[in-house]
Amino acid sequence: MNRHDAKIIAETITNDQLQQMFDTAKANITNWHVISLVNKGMTKGHAWNILASNFDVNANHHNLAKINMIREFGDYLPDSLKLKKTPKNIQTGKYIHHTDPKF
C-alpha cells in the first residue's frame, strides 16, 4: 500500500481494526523473508516484530506508527476499509498539431 492511502486510512482506523488486520496478515503471510515496504533494510518478519508482535489494542498509538503498520500490512485490511481506486481520465482522440523543426 502506498503512503498517501495509508495516511488517509490511519486517520479513521480503530485499534480493533488494526488487530484484525494483523490477525489476517499472520494467517496469510507465508514468506516472511520478503523485503519490507516501510524500510528496505529489513524483512517483513522484522517489521512484524517491531510493529505488530506486542500490539496493544488499548494503547493510544501515534499516527505515524499507524501509517507504517498500514503501509506494511494494509493489503490484509478488509475491502470496506481500503480506498477505492478511481480510474485516471485519459482523453483519447485528441490530436496535437506537430510541426517538424526547421534547422
N, C-alpha and C. Protein backbone atom coordinates (compact mmCIF):
# COMPACT_ATOMS: atom_id res chain seq x y z
N MET A 1 0.85 -1.17 0.00
CA MET A 1 0.00 0.00 0.00
C MET A 1 0.90 1.24 0.00
N ASN A 2 0.46 2.27 -0.70
CA ASN A 2 1.30 3.46 -0.76
C ASN A 2 1.07 4.35 0.45
N ARG A 3 1.98 5.28 0.64
CA ARG A 3 1.99 6.11 1.83
C ARG A 3 0.77 7.03 1.92
N HIS A 4 0.34 7.58 0.79
CA HIS A 4 -0.79 8.50 0.79
C HIS A 4 -2.07 7.79 1.23
N ASP A 5 -2.34 6.63 0.68
CA ASP A 5 -3.53 5.87 1.08
C ASP A 5 -3.46 5.46 2.55
N ALA A 6 -2.29 5.05 2.99
CA ALA A 6 -2.12 4.65 4.39
C ALA A 6 -2.37 5.82 5.33
N LYS A 7 -1.95 7.01 4.93
CA LYS A 7 -2.15 8.20 5.76
C LYS A 7 -3.63 8.52 5.91
N ILE A 8 -4.38 8.38 4.84
CA ILE A 8 -5.82 8.66 4.89
C ILE A 8 -6.54 7.62 5.75
N ILE A 9 -6.17 6.36 5.59
CA ILE A 9 -6.81 5.29 6.37
C ILE A 9 -6.45 5.42 7.85
N ALA A 10 -5.22 5.81 8.16
CA ALA A 10 -4.76 5.90 9.55
C ALA A 10 -5.52 6.94 10.36
N GLU A 11 -6.12 7.91 9.70
CA GLU A 11 -6.86 8.94 10.42
C GLU A 11 -8.16 8.41 11.01
N THR A 12 -8.73 7.36 10.42
CA THR A 12 -10.04 6.89 10.86
C THR A 12 -10.05 5.47 11.41
N ILE A 13 -8.98 4.72 11.25
CA ILE A 13 -8.98 3.30 11.65
C ILE A 13 -8.91 3.18 13.17
N THR A 14 -9.55 2.14 13.69
CA THR A 14 -9.53 1.88 15.13
C THR A 14 -8.49 0.81 15.44
N ASN A 15 -8.16 0.69 16.71
CA ASN A 15 -7.19 -0.32 17.13
C ASN A 15 -7.73 -1.73 16.92
N ASP A 16 -9.04 -1.92 17.07
CA ASP A 16 -9.62 -3.24 16.82
C ASP A 16 -9.48 -3.64 15.36
N GLN A 17 -9.66 -2.68 14.46
CA GLN A 17 -9.49 -2.96 13.03
C GLN A 17 -8.04 -3.27 12.70
N LEU A 18 -7.11 -2.58 13.36
CA LEU A 18 -5.70 -2.89 13.17
C LEU A 18 -5.38 -4.29 13.66
N GLN A 19 -5.96 -4.68 14.80
CA GLN A 19 -5.73 -6.03 15.33
C GLN A 19 -6.27 -7.08 14.37
N GLN A 20 -7.43 -6.83 13.77
CA GLN A 20 -7.97 -7.76 12.78
C GLN A 20 -7.05 -7.86 11.56
N MET A 21 -6.48 -6.72 11.15
CA MET A 21 -5.55 -6.71 10.03
C MET A 21 -4.33 -7.57 10.36
N PHE A 22 -3.80 -7.43 11.57
CA PHE A 22 -2.64 -8.21 11.97
C PHE A 22 -2.97 -9.70 12.04
N ASP A 23 -4.15 -10.04 12.53
CA ASP A 23 -4.55 -11.45 12.60
C ASP A 23 -4.65 -12.07 11.21
N THR A 24 -5.23 -11.31 10.27
CA THR A 24 -5.34 -11.79 8.89
C THR A 24 -3.97 -11.93 8.25
N ALA A 25 -3.10 -10.95 8.49
CA ALA A 25 -1.75 -10.99 7.92
C ALA A 25 -0.97 -12.18 8.48
N LYS A 26 -1.10 -12.41 9.77
CA LYS A 26 -0.40 -13.52 10.41
C LYS A 26 -0.83 -14.86 9.83
N ALA A 27 -2.11 -14.98 9.50
CA ALA A 27 -2.62 -16.23 8.96
C ALA A 27 -2.26 -16.41 7.48
N ASN A 28 -2.11 -15.33 6.74
CA ASN A 28 -1.95 -15.43 5.28
C ASN A 28 -0.54 -15.26 4.75
N ILE A 29 0.34 -14.64 5.51
CA ILE A 29 1.71 -14.45 5.02
C ILE A 29 2.47 -15.76 5.16
N THR A 30 3.05 -16.20 4.06
CA THR A 30 3.81 -17.45 4.09
C THR A 30 5.31 -17.20 4.00
N ASN A 31 5.72 -16.13 3.34
CA ASN A 31 7.14 -15.83 3.19
C ASN A 31 7.46 -14.56 3.96
N TRP A 32 8.08 -14.72 5.11
CA TRP A 32 8.43 -13.58 5.97
C TRP A 32 9.78 -12.98 5.59
N HIS A 33 10.44 -13.52 4.57
CA HIS A 33 11.76 -13.04 4.15
C HIS A 33 11.69 -11.99 3.06
N VAL A 34 10.48 -11.56 2.70
CA VAL A 34 10.29 -10.53 1.68
C VAL A 34 10.74 -9.19 2.25
N ILE A 35 11.30 -8.34 1.40
CA ILE A 35 11.76 -7.02 1.82
C ILE A 35 10.58 -6.18 2.29
N SER A 36 10.76 -5.46 3.37
CA SER A 36 9.73 -4.62 3.96
C SER A 36 9.43 -3.41 3.07
N LEU A 37 8.18 -2.97 3.07
CA LEU A 37 7.79 -1.77 2.34
C LEU A 37 8.16 -0.50 3.11
N VAL A 38 8.18 -0.59 4.43
CA VAL A 38 8.46 0.57 5.26
C VAL A 38 9.94 0.89 5.28
N ASN A 39 10.78 -0.14 5.39
CA ASN A 39 12.21 0.05 5.47
C ASN A 39 12.88 -1.04 4.63
N LYS A 40 13.58 -0.65 3.59
CA LYS A 40 14.18 -1.61 2.67
C LYS A 40 15.35 -2.37 3.30
N GLY A 41 15.79 -1.97 4.48
CA GLY A 41 16.90 -2.63 5.14
C GLY A 41 16.48 -3.78 6.02
N MET A 42 15.17 -4.10 6.05
CA MET A 42 14.72 -5.21 6.89
C MET A 42 13.66 -6.02 6.14
N THR A 43 13.36 -7.18 6.68
CA THR A 43 12.38 -8.07 6.06
C THR A 43 11.01 -7.82 6.67
N LYS A 44 10.01 -8.44 6.07
CA LYS A 44 8.64 -8.33 6.58
C LYS A 44 8.54 -8.95 7.98
N GLY A 45 9.30 -9.99 8.24
CA GLY A 45 9.30 -10.60 9.57
C GLY A 45 9.86 -9.67 10.62
N HIS A 46 10.92 -8.94 10.27
CA HIS A 46 11.49 -7.98 11.21
C HIS A 46 10.51 -6.82 11.45
N ALA A 47 9.84 -6.38 10.40
CA ALA A 47 8.83 -5.32 10.55
C ALA A 47 7.69 -5.80 11.44
N TRP A 48 7.33 -7.08 11.33
CA TRP A 48 6.29 -7.63 12.19
C TRP A 48 6.73 -7.55 13.65
N ASN A 49 7.98 -7.91 13.93
CA ASN A 49 8.48 -7.88 15.31
C ASN A 49 8.43 -6.47 15.89
N ILE A 50 8.66 -5.46 15.06
CA ILE A 50 8.66 -4.08 15.54
C ILE A 50 7.24 -3.53 15.66
N LEU A 51 6.41 -3.76 14.64
CA LEU A 51 5.11 -3.09 14.56
C LEU A 51 3.96 -3.88 15.18
N ALA A 52 3.99 -5.19 15.12
CA ALA A 52 2.78 -5.94 15.45
C ALA A 52 2.91 -6.97 16.55
N SER A 53 4.11 -7.39 16.90
CA SER A 53 4.22 -8.52 17.84
C SER A 53 3.69 -8.17 19.23
N ASN A 54 3.86 -6.96 19.69
CA ASN A 54 3.37 -6.55 21.02
C ASN A 54 2.29 -5.48 20.90
N PHE A 55 1.44 -5.60 19.89
CA PHE A 55 0.40 -4.60 19.66
C PHE A 55 -0.61 -4.61 20.79
N ASP A 56 -0.86 -3.44 21.38
CA ASP A 56 -1.81 -3.29 22.48
C ASP A 56 -3.04 -2.55 21.95
N VAL A 57 -4.19 -3.22 22.00
CA VAL A 57 -5.42 -2.63 21.49
C VAL A 57 -5.86 -1.43 22.32
N ASN A 58 -5.52 -1.42 23.60
CA ASN A 58 -5.97 -0.35 24.49
C ASN A 58 -5.06 0.87 24.47
N ALA A 59 -3.89 0.77 23.86
CA ALA A 59 -2.94 1.90 23.85
C ALA A 59 -3.33 2.91 22.79
N ASN A 60 -2.88 4.13 22.99
CA ASN A 60 -3.09 5.20 22.02
C ASN A 60 -1.82 5.28 21.16
N HIS A 61 -1.90 4.80 19.93
CA HIS A 61 -0.74 4.74 19.05
C HIS A 61 -0.60 6.03 18.25
N HIS A 62 0.64 6.44 18.04
CA HIS A 62 0.93 7.63 17.25
C HIS A 62 0.49 7.41 15.81
N ASN A 63 0.06 8.47 15.15
CA ASN A 63 -0.45 8.37 13.79
C ASN A 63 0.62 7.85 12.82
N LEU A 64 1.88 8.25 13.01
CA LEU A 64 2.95 7.77 12.14
C LEU A 64 3.14 6.26 12.30
N ALA A 65 2.99 5.74 13.51
CA ALA A 65 3.09 4.30 13.72
C ALA A 65 1.95 3.58 13.00
N LYS A 66 0.75 4.15 13.04
CA LYS A 66 -0.38 3.55 12.33
C LYS A 66 -0.14 3.56 10.82
N ILE A 67 0.42 4.66 10.32
CA ILE A 67 0.71 4.75 8.89
C ILE A 67 1.68 3.65 8.49
N ASN A 68 2.72 3.44 9.27
CA ASN A 68 3.70 2.39 8.96
C ASN A 68 3.08 1.00 9.06
N MET A 69 2.21 0.79 10.04
CA MET A 69 1.53 -0.50 10.17
C MET A 69 0.67 -0.77 8.94
N ILE A 70 -0.06 0.24 8.51
CA ILE A 70 -0.95 0.08 7.36
C ILE A 70 -0.15 -0.06 6.07
N ARG A 71 0.94 0.67 5.94
CA ARG A 71 1.78 0.54 4.75
C ARG A 71 2.31 -0.88 4.62
N GLU A 72 2.73 -1.44 5.73
CA GLU A 72 3.36 -2.76 5.70
C GLU A 72 2.34 -3.89 5.53
N PHE A 73 1.24 -3.81 6.27
CA PHE A 73 0.29 -4.92 6.30
C PHE A 73 -1.10 -4.52 5.82
N GLY A 74 -1.22 -3.39 5.14
CA GLY A 74 -2.53 -2.89 4.70
C GLY A 74 -3.19 -3.71 3.63
N ASP A 75 -2.46 -4.58 2.97
CA ASP A 75 -3.07 -5.46 1.98
C ASP A 75 -4.03 -6.44 2.63
N TYR A 76 -3.94 -6.61 3.93
CA TYR A 76 -4.78 -7.55 4.66
C TYR A 76 -5.94 -6.86 5.38
N LEU A 77 -6.19 -5.60 5.05
CA LEU A 77 -7.37 -4.91 5.56
C LEU A 77 -8.61 -5.40 4.82
N PRO A 78 -9.77 -5.33 5.46
CA PRO A 78 -11.00 -5.67 4.74
C PRO A 78 -11.23 -4.67 3.60
N ASP A 79 -11.92 -5.10 2.57
CA ASP A 79 -12.15 -4.24 1.41
C ASP A 79 -12.94 -2.99 1.77
N SER A 80 -13.73 -3.05 2.83
CA SER A 80 -14.52 -1.88 3.21
C SER A 80 -13.64 -0.74 3.73
N LEU A 81 -12.45 -1.05 4.22
CA LEU A 81 -11.55 0.00 4.73
C LEU A 81 -10.59 0.51 3.68
N LYS A 82 -10.36 -0.26 2.63
CA LYS A 82 -9.43 0.17 1.59
C LYS A 82 -10.06 1.29 0.76
N LEU A 83 -9.22 2.16 0.26
CA LEU A 83 -9.70 3.25 -0.58
C LEU A 83 -10.04 2.73 -1.97
N LYS A 84 -11.08 3.27 -2.52
CA LYS A 84 -11.49 2.88 -3.87
C LYS A 84 -10.60 3.60 -4.87
N LYS A 85 -10.08 2.85 -5.83
CA LYS A 85 -9.24 3.42 -6.88
C LYS A 85 -10.14 4.04 -7.95
N THR A 86 -9.87 5.29 -8.28
CA THR A 86 -10.60 5.93 -9.35
C THR A 86 -9.74 5.90 -10.61
N PRO A 87 -10.33 5.53 -11.73
CA PRO A 87 -9.55 5.47 -12.96
C PRO A 87 -9.14 6.87 -13.41
N LYS A 88 -7.96 6.94 -13.96
CA LYS A 88 -7.48 8.22 -14.46
C LYS A 88 -8.25 8.60 -15.71
N ASN A 89 -8.48 9.88 -15.85
CA ASN A 89 -9.21 10.38 -17.01
C ASN A 89 -8.23 10.54 -18.17
N ILE A 90 -8.25 9.57 -19.05
CA ILE A 90 -7.36 9.59 -20.20
C ILE A 90 -8.18 10.05 -21.39
N GLN A 91 -7.79 11.17 -21.94
CA GLN A 91 -8.52 11.70 -23.07
C GLN A 91 -7.89 11.17 -24.35
N THR A 92 -8.66 10.40 -25.07
CA THR A 92 -8.17 9.85 -26.33
C THR A 92 -8.86 10.57 -27.48
N GLY A 93 -8.27 10.51 -28.60
CA GLY A 93 -8.87 11.11 -29.78
C GLY A 93 -8.44 12.55 -30.01
N LYS A 94 -7.73 13.13 -29.09
CA LYS A 94 -7.27 14.50 -29.31
C LYS A 94 -6.03 14.46 -30.18
N TYR A 95 -5.98 15.40 -31.07
CA TYR A 95 -4.83 15.49 -31.97
C TYR A 95 -4.05 16.76 -31.62
N ILE A 96 -2.80 16.59 -31.34
CA ILE A 96 -1.93 17.73 -31.07
C ILE A 96 -1.17 18.02 -32.35
N HIS A 97 -1.29 19.25 -32.79
CA HIS A 97 -0.64 19.63 -34.03
C HIS A 97 0.87 19.67 -33.83
N HIS A 98 1.58 18.98 -34.71
CA HIS A 98 3.04 18.92 -34.61
C HIS A 98 3.64 19.38 -35.91
N THR A 99 4.70 20.16 -35.79
CA THR A 99 5.45 20.60 -36.94
C THR A 99 6.92 20.25 -36.68
N ASP A 100 7.54 19.66 -37.67
CA ASP A 100 8.96 19.33 -37.54
C ASP A 100 9.78 20.61 -37.45
N PRO A 101 10.84 20.60 -36.65
CA PRO A 101 11.67 21.80 -36.53
C PRO A 101 12.44 22.08 -37.83
N LYS A 102 12.66 23.33 -38.10
CA LYS A 102 13.43 23.74 -39.29
C LYS A 102 14.84 24.08 -38.83
N PHE A 103 15.81 23.34 -39.36
CA PHE A 103 17.20 23.56 -38.98
C PHE A 103 17.92 24.37 -40.01
